[in-house]
Amino acid sequence: MEQKADIGLIGLAVMGQNLVLNMCDHGYTVAVFNRTTSKTHEFVNSPAAKGKKIIACETLEQLVGAIKKPAPVMIMVKAGKPVDDQIDALVPIMEKGDIIIDGGNSHFPDTIRRNKYLAEKGLNFVGTGVSGGEEGARNGPSIMPGGQRKAYERVEKILVDISAKIGNEACCTYIGDDGAGHYVKMVHNGIEYGDMQLISEAYILMKDVLGMSYDEMHKTFKKWNQGELDSYLIDITTDILGKKDPETGKPMCEIIVDKAGQKGTGMWTSQSALTLGIAAPTIAEAVFARCISAVKDERIEAAQKLRGPKKVFSGDKEKFVQAIHDALYASKICSYAQGFQMMAEAGKEYGWKLNFGEIAMIWRGGCIIRAHFLQRIKEAYDRRKKPKNLLLDPYFKKIVHQAQNNWRKVVMTAIKHGVSVPAFSSALAYFDAYRSERGWANLIQAQRDYFGAHTYERVDKPAGEWFHTDWPNA
């Protein structure tokens, strides 16, 4: 009897290939298909795939027919229309109860739409966030599946087996209905934007304000990675700062053009925050920072025409490095707090029952934002009294209180020296706004009522009662 595959996979770019090899390493038989048939055979006959239980399929009909029922088929193609096209091609040849898994970086509203569409066709859909890049796909990514629970249960063992592990705990858990998995992955990417920007601001302060050499910065980040800031991104930053360009002998960072690319997930996170009415300024500033980095030609011209302060740092460099460390940690807490606030509000909006402790747990391994720090977040949400905001958790409250003098010193020093630190600044502004019992919004409400009769609440009347004043004409 011909052997049947446990799962099928469409799309044999690097991520798809590595996921297949990962599945095979865990004892699964995988049926594979690529639009370009030659690529399918090239992969199956490659040294990496040789001897593994992989079934090469030249048609989608052959692929679906090669899988045990109900047949799960994972799509690893570019987000957007290519996913819809692939789904439309699969629908006529799949049977009721079969499962389509989208493992790409799809926008969560598309996942919600596709889930509904396929349910009407009698098919199940699992929108799955997969984080960790090529290395994660091959050796164990963080996996965030959403969709029908029964569909997830059909593929749960496969996804759990191939995911990253922290001790005996798998970095994979069911997130929630329809688009929940891709939403959580989107927020993960938004937090990733924030983390990367904060680390880059720490780097530019060391380089341009303190005048530290790359060797000094390399040693500093290496030391940081042995403490509270222990994380994948700090680890790779350590490697990057220690790397020399083999062609020129200069530090590799000095050779790379300072224009940051982006693929849209940070923008989606910021858009969602605005839609939900949740403040996520640090994530948004990280996106805007990439946008301003992209206008390199304009910045070159502006550098010749616009002048800032010319100051030389005169303080204790060692103490200021510690201040940067503290500012980075406190800002990181604010960025994560913003992401988890978004997920909490999205859960209410879309009817998802998100378990934040489990989400923090599956982000501890495999993914780009993996960090020791996430264990603290898991502990915060595992407490009997769960915090409304991470800043209110006893552990994180203590950290930001201890860090805030240094945090403020870093932001003020950056401003005095004309160094842009939008993520540090926005995180501090978020902290100050969140801790303010009474701020500036009363004046905004008065302005709105003045020009648009939008009404306002009074401090001396019950909440929910609205009033309007006949303001004098200007």
Protein backbone atom coordinates (compact mmCIF):
# COMPACT_ATOMS: atom_id res chain seq x y z
CA MET A 1 0.00 0.00 0.00
CA GLU A 2 1.32 3.44 -0.98
CA GLN A 3 2.46 5.46 2.02
CA LYS A 4 0.37 8.52 2.79
CA ALA A 5 1.79 11.84 3.99
CA ASP A 6 0.95 13.33 7.38
CA ILE A 7 0.78 16.85 5.94
CA GLY A 8 1.24 18.69 2.66
CA LEU A 9 3.17 21.91 2.06
CA ILE A 10 2.89 24.36 -0.84
CA GLY A 11 5.67 26.85 -1.53
CA LEU A 12 9.27 25.71 -1.51
CA ALA A 13 11.14 28.93 -0.90
CA VAL A 14 13.65 28.82 1.96
CA MET A 15 11.05 29.00 4.76
CA GLY A 16 8.93 26.26 3.18
CA GLN A 17 11.91 23.98 2.58
CA ASN A 18 13.17 24.39 6.13
CA LEU A 19 9.75 23.63 7.62
CA VAL A 20 9.56 20.45 5.53
CA LEU A 21 13.00 19.34 6.72
CA ASN A 22 12.02 20.14 10.30
CA MET A 23 8.87 18.01 9.97
CA CYS A 24 10.86 15.16 8.47
CA ASP A 25 13.37 15.31 11.33
CA HIS A 26 10.45 14.64 13.70
CA GLY A 27 9.35 11.54 11.83
CA TYR A 28 6.64 12.98 9.58
CA THR A 29 6.07 12.22 5.93
CA VAL A 30 5.47 15.42 3.95
CA ALA A 31 3.92 15.84 0.50
CA VAL A 32 5.30 18.92 -1.26
CA PHE A 33 4.26 21.05 -4.23
CA ASN A 34 5.70 24.14 -5.85
CA ARG A 35 4.21 26.07 -8.75
CA THR A 36 7.49 25.57 -10.59
CA THR A 37 7.73 21.77 -10.84
CA SER A 38 11.48 21.77 -11.41
CA LYS A 39 11.95 23.43 -8.02
CA THR A 40 10.00 20.61 -6.35
CA HIS A 41 12.27 17.93 -7.81
CA GLU A 42 15.37 20.04 -7.20
CA PHE A 43 14.50 20.26 -3.51
CA VAL A 44 13.54 16.61 -3.08
CA ASN A 45 16.80 15.53 -4.73
CA SER A 46 18.96 17.99 -2.81
CA PRO A 47 21.52 16.70 -0.27
CA ALA A 48 19.49 18.24 2.58
CA ALA A 49 16.33 16.32 1.61
CA LYS A 50 17.90 13.08 0.41
CA GLY A 51 16.68 10.04 2.31
CA LYS A 52 13.86 11.94 4.04
CA LYS A 53 10.19 11.00 3.79
CA ILE A 54 9.15 13.58 1.20
CA ILE A 55 6.61 12.95 -1.56
CA ALA A 56 7.15 15.17 -4.61
CA CYS A 57 3.86 16.20 -6.24
CA GLU A 58 3.51 17.79 -9.66
CA THR A 59 -0.15 18.80 -9.33
CA LEU A 60 -2.35 20.02 -6.50
CA GLU A 61 -4.67 17.03 -7.07
CA GLN A 62 -1.71 14.72 -6.55
CA LEU A 63 -0.74 16.63 -3.41
CA VAL A 64 -4.17 16.47 -1.77
CA GLY A 65 -4.56 12.82 -2.72
CA ALA A 66 -1.22 11.95 -1.12
CA ILE A 67 -2.24 13.06 2.41
CA LYS A 68 -4.06 11.18 5.17
CA LYS A 69 -7.63 12.36 5.77
CA PRO A 70 -8.70 14.86 6.86
CA ALA A 71 -5.91 16.34 4.77
CA PRO A 72 -3.94 19.30 6.18
CA VAL A 73 -2.18 21.46 3.57
CA MET A 74 0.15 24.24 4.68
CA ILE A 75 0.57 27.24 2.38
CA MET A 76 3.93 29.06 2.50
CA VAL A 77 3.55 31.70 -0.19
CA LYS A 78 3.71 35.50 -0.24
CA ALA A 79 0.94 37.21 1.76
CA GLY A 80 -1.99 38.83 -0.03
CA LYS A 81 -3.40 37.79 -3.39
CA PRO A 82 -1.07 34.75 -3.81
CA VAL A 83 -2.68 33.19 -0.70
CA ASP A 84 -6.19 33.80 -2.05
CA ASP A 85 -5.19 32.37 -5.43
CA GLN A 86 -3.78 29.26 -3.77
CA ILE A 87 -6.90 28.80 -1.65
CA ASP A 88 -9.15 29.17 -4.71
CA ALA A 89 -7.12 26.48 -6.48
CA LEU A 90 -7.40 24.09 -3.51
CA VAL A 91 -11.12 24.47 -2.71
CA PRO A 92 -12.47 22.43 -5.66
CA ILE A 93 -10.18 19.48 -4.98
CA MET A 94 -10.37 19.26 -1.18
CA GLU A 95 -13.02 17.33 0.74
CA LYS A 96 -15.19 18.52 3.61
CA GLY A 97 -13.22 18.55 6.83
CA ASP A 98 -9.85 19.04 5.11
CA ILE A 99 -7.64 21.78 6.51
CA ILE A 100 -5.80 24.68 4.89
CA ILE A 101 -3.02 26.21 7.01
CA ASP A 102 -1.66 29.65 6.09
CA GLY A 103 1.79 29.86 7.64
CA GLY A 104 2.75 33.19 6.07
CA ASN A 105 2.68 36.76 7.39
CA SER A 106 -0.93 37.39 6.40
CA HIS A 107 -2.87 40.41 7.62
CA PHE A 108 -5.34 39.22 10.26
CA PRO A 109 -8.49 40.72 8.57
CA ASP A 110 -7.67 38.55 5.54
CA THR A 111 -7.43 35.53 7.83
CA ILE A 112 -10.83 36.30 9.37
CA ARG A 113 -12.32 36.63 5.86
CA ARG A 114 -10.72 33.42 4.62
CA ASN A 115 -11.84 31.50 7.70
CA LYS A 116 -15.46 32.50 7.08
CA TYR A 117 -15.26 31.77 3.35
CA LEU A 118 -13.77 28.30 3.82
CA ALA A 119 -16.20 27.42 6.63
CA GLU A 120 -19.02 28.03 4.14
CA LYS A 121 -17.31 25.55 1.81
CA GLY A 122 -17.06 22.93 4.58
CA LEU A 123 -13.29 23.37 4.92
CA ASN A 124 -11.26 24.29 7.99
CA PHE A 125 -8.70 27.09 8.07
CA VAL A 126 -5.80 27.64 10.45
CA GLY A 127 -4.09 31.03 10.23
CA THR A 128 -0.70 30.42 11.80
CA GLY A 129 1.94 32.92 12.77
CA VAL A 130 5.44 31.44 12.38
CA SER A 131 8.37 33.42 13.80
CA GLY A 132 12.07 32.76 13.79
CA GLY A 133 13.11 33.25 10.18
CA GLU A 134 14.98 30.60 8.25
CA GLU A 135 16.85 29.28 11.29
CA GLY A 136 13.64 28.98 13.31
CA ALA A 137 11.83 27.20 10.51
CA ARG A 138 14.63 24.63 10.32
CA ASN A 139 15.36 24.12 14.02
CA GLY A 140 12.22 25.21 15.84
CA PRO A 141 10.14 28.38 15.40
CA SER A 142 7.61 30.03 17.67
CA ILE A 143 4.20 29.03 16.29
CA MET A 144 0.96 30.96 16.85
CA PRO A 145 -2.01 29.06 15.37
CA GLY A 146 -5.55 30.41 15.21
CA GLY A 147 -8.75 29.04 13.66
CA GLN A 148 -11.20 26.28 14.48
CA ARG A 149 -9.94 24.41 17.53
CA LYS A 150 -10.88 21.05 16.00
CA ALA A 151 -8.75 21.89 12.96
CA TYR A 152 -5.83 22.86 15.18
CA GLU A 153 -6.19 19.61 17.14
CA ARG A 154 -5.76 17.64 13.89
CA VAL A 155 -2.33 19.24 13.31
CA GLU A 156 -1.41 20.06 16.92
CA LYS A 157 1.14 17.27 17.36
CA ILE A 158 2.98 18.22 14.18
CA LEU A 159 3.13 21.94 15.06
CA VAL A 160 4.12 21.27 18.67
CA ASP A 161 6.81 18.80 17.62
CA ILE A 162 8.46 21.18 15.15
CA SER A 163 8.28 24.24 17.42
CA ALA A 164 11.09 25.59 19.60
CA LYS A 165 11.34 24.21 23.13
CA ILE A 166 12.16 25.86 26.45
CA GLY A 167 13.00 22.87 28.62
CA ASN A 168 10.02 20.57 28.08
CA GLU A 169 7.66 23.41 27.07
CA ALA A 170 6.81 23.85 23.39
CA CYS A 171 6.71 27.34 21.90
CA CYS A 172 3.37 26.60 20.28
CA THR A 173 -0.13 26.97 21.67
CA TYR A 174 -3.63 27.47 20.31
CA ILE A 175 -4.23 31.24 20.28
CA GLY A 176 -7.92 31.58 19.42
CA ASP A 177 -10.57 31.69 16.71
CA ASP A 178 -10.18 32.81 13.07
CA GLY A 179 -7.55 35.61 12.87
CA ALA A 180 -6.22 35.42 16.44
CA GLY A 181 -2.98 33.66 15.50
CA HIS A 182 -2.04 36.11 12.79
CA TYR A 183 -3.05 39.04 15.03
CA VAL A 184 -0.70 37.89 17.79
CA LYS A 185 2.06 37.36 15.20
CA MET A 186 1.44 40.89 13.89
CA VAL A 187 1.78 42.35 17.39
CA HIS A 188 4.94 40.25 17.87
CA ASN A 189 6.36 41.92 14.77
CA GLY A 190 5.32 45.37 16.02
CA ILE A 191 7.12 44.74 19.30
CA GLU A 192 10.08 43.51 17.25
CA TYR A 193 10.15 46.88 15.44
CA GLY A 194 10.20 48.63 18.83
CA ASP A 195 12.97 46.41 20.20
CA MET A 196 15.16 46.92 17.15
CA GLN A 197 14.71 50.70 17.21
CA LEU A 198 15.45 50.93 20.94
CA ILE A 199 18.64 48.89 20.55
CA SER A 200 19.68 51.04 17.59
CA GLU A 201 19.13 54.20 19.64
CA ALA A 202 21.33 52.77 22.40
CA TYR A 203 23.99 52.12 19.74
CA ILE A 204 23.85 55.64 18.25
CA LEU A 205 24.11 57.24 21.71
CA MET A 206 27.21 55.19 22.48
CA LYS A 207 28.72 55.99 19.09
CA ASP A 208 27.80 59.64 18.52
CA VAL A 209 27.48 61.03 22.06
CA LEU A 210 30.07 58.97 23.96
CA GLY A 211 32.40 58.35 21.00
CA MET A 212 32.75 54.67 21.86
CA SER A 213 34.62 52.38 19.45
CA TYR A 214 32.95 49.34 17.93
CA ASP A 215 35.12 47.11 20.08
CA GLU A 216 33.88 48.94 23.21
CA MET A 217 30.26 48.70 22.05
CA HIS A 218 30.69 45.01 21.25
CA LYS A 219 31.97 44.35 24.77
CA THR A 220 29.14 46.40 26.31
CA PHE A 221 26.40 44.54 24.47
CA LYS A 222 28.06 41.22 25.28
CA LYS A 223 27.95 42.15 28.98
CA TRP A 224 24.32 43.28 28.70
CA ASN A 225 23.38 39.95 27.14
CA GLN A 226 24.48 38.21 30.34
CA GLY A 227 22.00 40.16 32.47
CA GLU A 228 18.43 41.46 32.39
CA LEU A 229 18.61 42.34 28.69
CA ASP A 230 19.52 38.77 27.66
CA SER A 231 17.77 38.27 24.31
CA TYR A 232 18.21 37.15 20.73
CA LEU A 233 18.31 40.73 19.42
CA ILE A 234 20.97 41.83 21.94
CA ASP A 235 22.93 38.67 21.10
CA ILE A 236 22.95 39.29 17.35
CA THR A 237 23.71 43.00 17.93
CA THR A 238 26.81 41.88 19.86
CA ASP A 239 27.90 39.81 16.85
CA ILE A 240 27.13 42.63 14.40
CA LEU A 241 29.13 45.23 16.32
CA GLY A 242 32.11 42.86 16.45
CA LYS A 243 32.06 42.09 12.72
CA LYS A 244 34.63 43.61 10.37
CA ASP A 245 34.10 44.07 6.63
CA PRO A 246 36.48 41.61 4.93
CA GLU A 247 36.89 43.98 1.96
CA THR A 248 37.85 47.19 3.82
CA GLY A 249 38.62 46.05 7.35
CA LYS A 250 36.19 48.64 8.69
CA PRO A 251 33.39 47.80 11.15
CA MET A 252 30.59 46.17 9.13
CA CYS A 253 28.02 48.66 10.42
CA GLU A 254 30.01 51.56 8.93
CA ILE A 255 29.74 49.95 5.48
CA ILE A 256 25.96 49.44 5.56
CA VAL A 257 23.74 52.29 4.26
CA ASP A 258 21.48 53.62 7.03
CA LYS A 259 18.18 52.98 5.23
CA ALA A 260 15.94 50.44 7.03
CA GLY A 261 13.53 48.27 5.06
CA GLN A 262 10.14 47.06 6.21
CA LYS A 263 7.50 44.59 5.00
CA GLY A 264 4.37 46.14 6.50
CA THR A 265 3.70 44.26 9.74
CA GLY A 266 4.86 47.19 11.89
CA MET A 267 2.54 49.47 9.94
CA TRP A 268 -0.36 47.01 10.40
CA THR A 269 0.31 46.96 14.15
CA SER A 270 0.22 50.76 14.33
CA GLN A 271 -2.94 50.91 12.21
CA SER A 272 -4.63 48.36 14.46
CA ALA A 273 -3.66 50.34 17.57
CA LEU A 274 -5.31 53.43 16.09
CA THR A 275 -8.41 51.46 15.08
CA LEU A 276 -8.76 50.00 18.58
CA GLY A 277 -7.99 53.30 20.30
CA ILE A 278 -4.96 51.87 22.12
CA ALA A 279 -1.83 53.97 22.66
CA ALA A 280 1.17 52.22 21.08
CA PRO A 281 3.49 55.18 20.43
CA THR A 282 6.79 53.33 20.78
CA ILE A 283 5.84 50.78 18.14
CA ALA A 284 4.52 53.56 15.86
CA GLU A 285 7.65 55.67 16.34
CA ALA A 286 9.77 52.67 15.38
CA VAL A 287 7.83 52.47 12.10
CA PHE A 288 8.14 56.22 11.49
CA ALA A 289 11.87 56.02 12.24
CA ARG A 290 12.26 53.52 9.39
CA CYS A 291 10.24 55.84 7.15
CA ILE A 292 12.55 58.80 7.82
CA SER A 293 15.60 56.59 7.38
CA ALA A 294 14.35 55.78 3.88
CA VAL A 295 14.66 59.40 2.63
CA LYS A 296 18.45 59.17 2.63
CA ASP A 297 19.03 61.69 -0.18
CA GLU A 298 16.91 64.31 1.59
CA ARG A 299 18.74 63.67 4.86
CA ILE A 300 22.09 64.18 3.15
CA GLU A 301 20.86 67.55 1.81
CA ALA A 302 19.30 68.51 5.16
CA ALA A 303 22.56 67.71 6.97
CA GLN A 304 24.25 70.44 4.92
CA LYS A 305 21.55 73.05 5.53
CA LEU A 306 20.04 72.40 8.97
CA ARG A 307 22.15 72.87 12.07
CA GLY A 308 21.78 71.30 15.50
CA PRO A 309 23.76 71.67 18.73
CA LYS A 310 27.48 71.00 18.76
CA LYS A 311 28.14 69.56 22.18
CA VAL A 312 30.86 67.32 23.54
CA PHE A 313 29.89 64.89 26.30
CA SER A 314 31.52 65.90 29.56
CA GLY A 315 30.01 63.49 32.10
CA ASP A 316 31.05 60.08 33.40
CA LYS A 317 30.94 57.77 30.36
CA GLU A 318 30.69 54.57 32.40
CA LYS A 319 27.71 55.90 34.33
CA PHE A 320 26.04 57.05 31.14
CA VAL A 321 26.43 53.60 29.59
CA GLN A 322 24.55 52.24 32.63
CA ALA A 323 21.94 54.96 32.11
CA ILE A 324 21.48 53.80 28.50
CA HIS A 325 21.05 50.23 29.76
CA ASP A 326 18.35 51.35 32.20
CA ALA A 327 16.59 53.47 29.58
CA LEU A 328 16.61 50.54 27.18
CA TYR A 329 15.10 48.17 29.73
CA ALA A 330 12.41 50.62 30.89
CA SER A 331 11.50 51.56 27.31
CA LYS A 332 11.33 47.88 26.37
CA ILE A 333 8.82 47.30 29.19
CA CYS A 334 6.66 50.14 27.86
CA SER A 335 6.81 48.79 24.31
CA TYR A 336 5.70 45.32 25.44
CA ALA A 337 3.01 46.87 27.66
CA GLN A 338 1.63 48.61 24.58
CA GLY A 339 1.60 45.36 22.59
CA PHE A 340 -0.19 43.42 25.32
CA GLN A 341 -2.72 46.26 25.73
CA MET A 342 -3.45 45.94 22.02
CA MET A 343 -4.01 42.20 22.29
CA ALA A 344 -6.32 42.68 25.28
CA GLU A 345 -8.48 45.16 23.37
CA ALA A 346 -8.43 43.05 20.19
CA GLY A 347 -9.62 40.08 22.24
CA LYS A 348 -12.67 42.08 23.30
CA GLU A 349 -13.25 43.46 19.80
CA TYR A 350 -13.02 40.14 17.93
CA GLY A 351 -14.21 37.74 20.62
CA TRP A 352 -10.86 36.02 21.17
CA LYS A 353 -10.00 34.48 24.55
CA LEU A 354 -6.28 35.21 24.57
CA ASN A 355 -4.05 33.74 27.26
CA PHE A 356 -1.26 36.29 27.72
CA GLY A 357 0.84 34.02 29.93
CA GLU A 358 0.87 31.35 27.21
CA ILE A 359 1.64 33.95 24.52
CA ALA A 360 4.63 35.21 26.51
CA MET A 361 5.70 31.59 27.01
CA ILE A 362 5.72 30.72 23.29
CA TRP A 363 7.70 33.88 22.55
CA ARG A 364 10.52 32.74 24.85
CA GLY A 365 12.04 30.52 22.16
CA GLY A 366 12.31 30.33 18.40
CA CYS A 367 11.11 33.84 17.60
CA ILE A 368 12.95 37.10 16.93
CA ILE A 369 11.90 38.78 20.20
CA ARG A 370 12.82 35.77 22.33
CA ALA A 371 14.26 36.93 25.61
CA HIS A 372 14.68 35.94 29.24
CA PHE A 373 12.55 38.99 30.03
CA LEU A 374 9.47 37.18 28.64
CA GLN A 375 9.54 34.80 31.60
CA ARG A 376 8.75 37.83 33.78
CA ILE A 377 5.78 38.68 31.57
CA LYS A 378 4.50 35.10 31.82
CA GLU A 379 4.79 35.31 35.62
CA ALA A 380 2.90 38.62 35.63
CA TYR A 381 -0.05 37.16 33.73
CA ASP A 382 0.02 33.92 35.74
CA ARG A 383 -0.64 35.83 38.96
CA ARG A 384 -4.08 35.56 40.54
CA LYS A 385 -4.55 39.29 40.09
CA LYS A 386 -3.58 39.94 36.49
CA PRO A 387 -2.31 43.46 35.72
CA LYS A 388 -4.41 45.81 33.59
CA ASN A 389 -1.09 47.02 32.19
CA LEU A 390 2.38 45.48 32.57
CA LEU A 391 3.54 48.73 34.18
CA LEU A 392 1.25 47.94 37.13
CA ASP A 393 2.78 44.51 37.78
CA PRO A 394 4.96 44.64 40.95
CA TYR A 395 8.11 43.45 39.16
CA PHE A 396 7.87 45.85 36.23
CA LYS A 397 6.72 48.75 38.41
CA LYS A 398 9.87 48.33 40.48
CA ILE A 399 12.09 48.26 37.38
CA VAL A 400 10.70 51.46 35.85
CA HIS A 401 10.83 53.26 39.19
CA GLN A 402 14.49 52.30 39.60
CA ALA A 403 15.31 53.18 35.97
CA GLN A 404 13.44 56.41 35.46
CA ASN A 405 16.13 58.86 36.63
CA ASN A 406 18.62 57.34 34.20
CA TRP A 407 15.90 57.06 31.55
CA ARG A 408 15.18 60.80 31.79
CA LYS A 409 18.91 61.58 31.79
CA VAL A 410 19.36 59.63 28.54
CA VAL A 411 16.48 61.39 26.76
CA MET A 412 17.59 64.85 27.95
CA THR A 413 21.20 64.18 26.97
CA ALA A 414 20.14 62.98 23.52
CA ILE A 415 18.07 66.15 23.01
CA LYS A 416 20.92 68.39 24.18
CA HIS A 417 23.28 66.67 21.73
CA GLY A 418 20.80 66.71 18.83
CA VAL A 419 20.58 62.93 18.59
CA SER A 420 17.18 61.54 17.57
CA VAL A 421 15.84 58.90 19.99
CA PRO A 422 12.13 58.67 19.10
CA ALA A 423 11.56 55.27 20.70
CA PHE A 424 13.21 56.17 24.02
CA SER A 425 11.33 59.49 24.06
CA SER A 426 7.94 58.07 23.16
CA ALA A 427 8.25 55.28 25.72
CA LEU A 428 9.01 57.83 28.44
CA ALA A 429 6.11 60.04 27.29
CA TYR A 430 3.83 56.98 27.43
CA PHE A 431 4.97 56.23 30.98
CA ASP A 432 4.43 59.83 32.09
CA ALA A 433 1.00 60.06 30.44
CA TYR A 434 -0.14 56.72 31.86
CA ARG A 435 0.86 57.65 35.41
CA SER A 436 -0.84 61.10 35.25
CA GLU A 437 -4.10 61.22 37.20
CA ARG A 438 -5.01 64.49 35.50
CA GLY A 439 -3.38 65.73 32.32
CA TRP A 440 -4.10 67.93 29.32
CA ALA A 441 -7.16 66.22 27.78
CA ASN A 442 -9.65 68.48 29.60
CA LEU A 443 -8.46 71.40 27.45
CA ILE A 444 -8.82 69.29 24.30
CA GLN A 445 -12.42 68.43 25.29
CA ALA A 446 -13.13 72.14 25.86
CA GLN A 447 -11.72 72.93 22.41
CA ARG A 448 -13.84 70.16 20.81
CA ASP A 449 -16.93 71.43 22.56
CA TYR A 450 -16.15 75.02 21.54
CA PHE A 451 -15.84 74.40 17.80
CA GLY A 452 -18.01 71.32 17.38
CA ALA A 453 -20.38 71.04 20.36
CA HIS A 454 -18.92 67.59 21.08
CA THR A 455 -19.83 67.92 24.82
CA TYR A 456 -17.79 66.89 27.85
CA GLU A 457 -18.11 65.20 31.25
CA ARG A 458 -17.72 67.15 34.50
CA VAL A 459 -15.54 66.21 37.45
CA ASP A 460 -18.38 67.06 39.86
CA LYS A 461 -21.08 65.01 38.10
CA PRO A 462 -21.55 61.23 37.61
CA ALA A 463 -19.58 59.61 34.76
CA GLY A 464 -21.65 59.24 31.62
CA GLU A 465 -23.46 62.57 31.97
CA TRP A 466 -22.55 64.92 29.13
CA PHE A 467 -22.62 68.73 29.06
CA HIS A 468 -22.20 71.56 26.56
CA THR A 469 -21.15 75.16 27.15
CA ASP A 470 -22.18 78.15 25.00
CA TRP A 471 -18.67 79.49 24.59
CA PRO A 472 -18.23 83.17 23.69
CA ASN A 473 -17.43 83.93 20.08
CA ALA A 474 -13.75 84.47 19.38
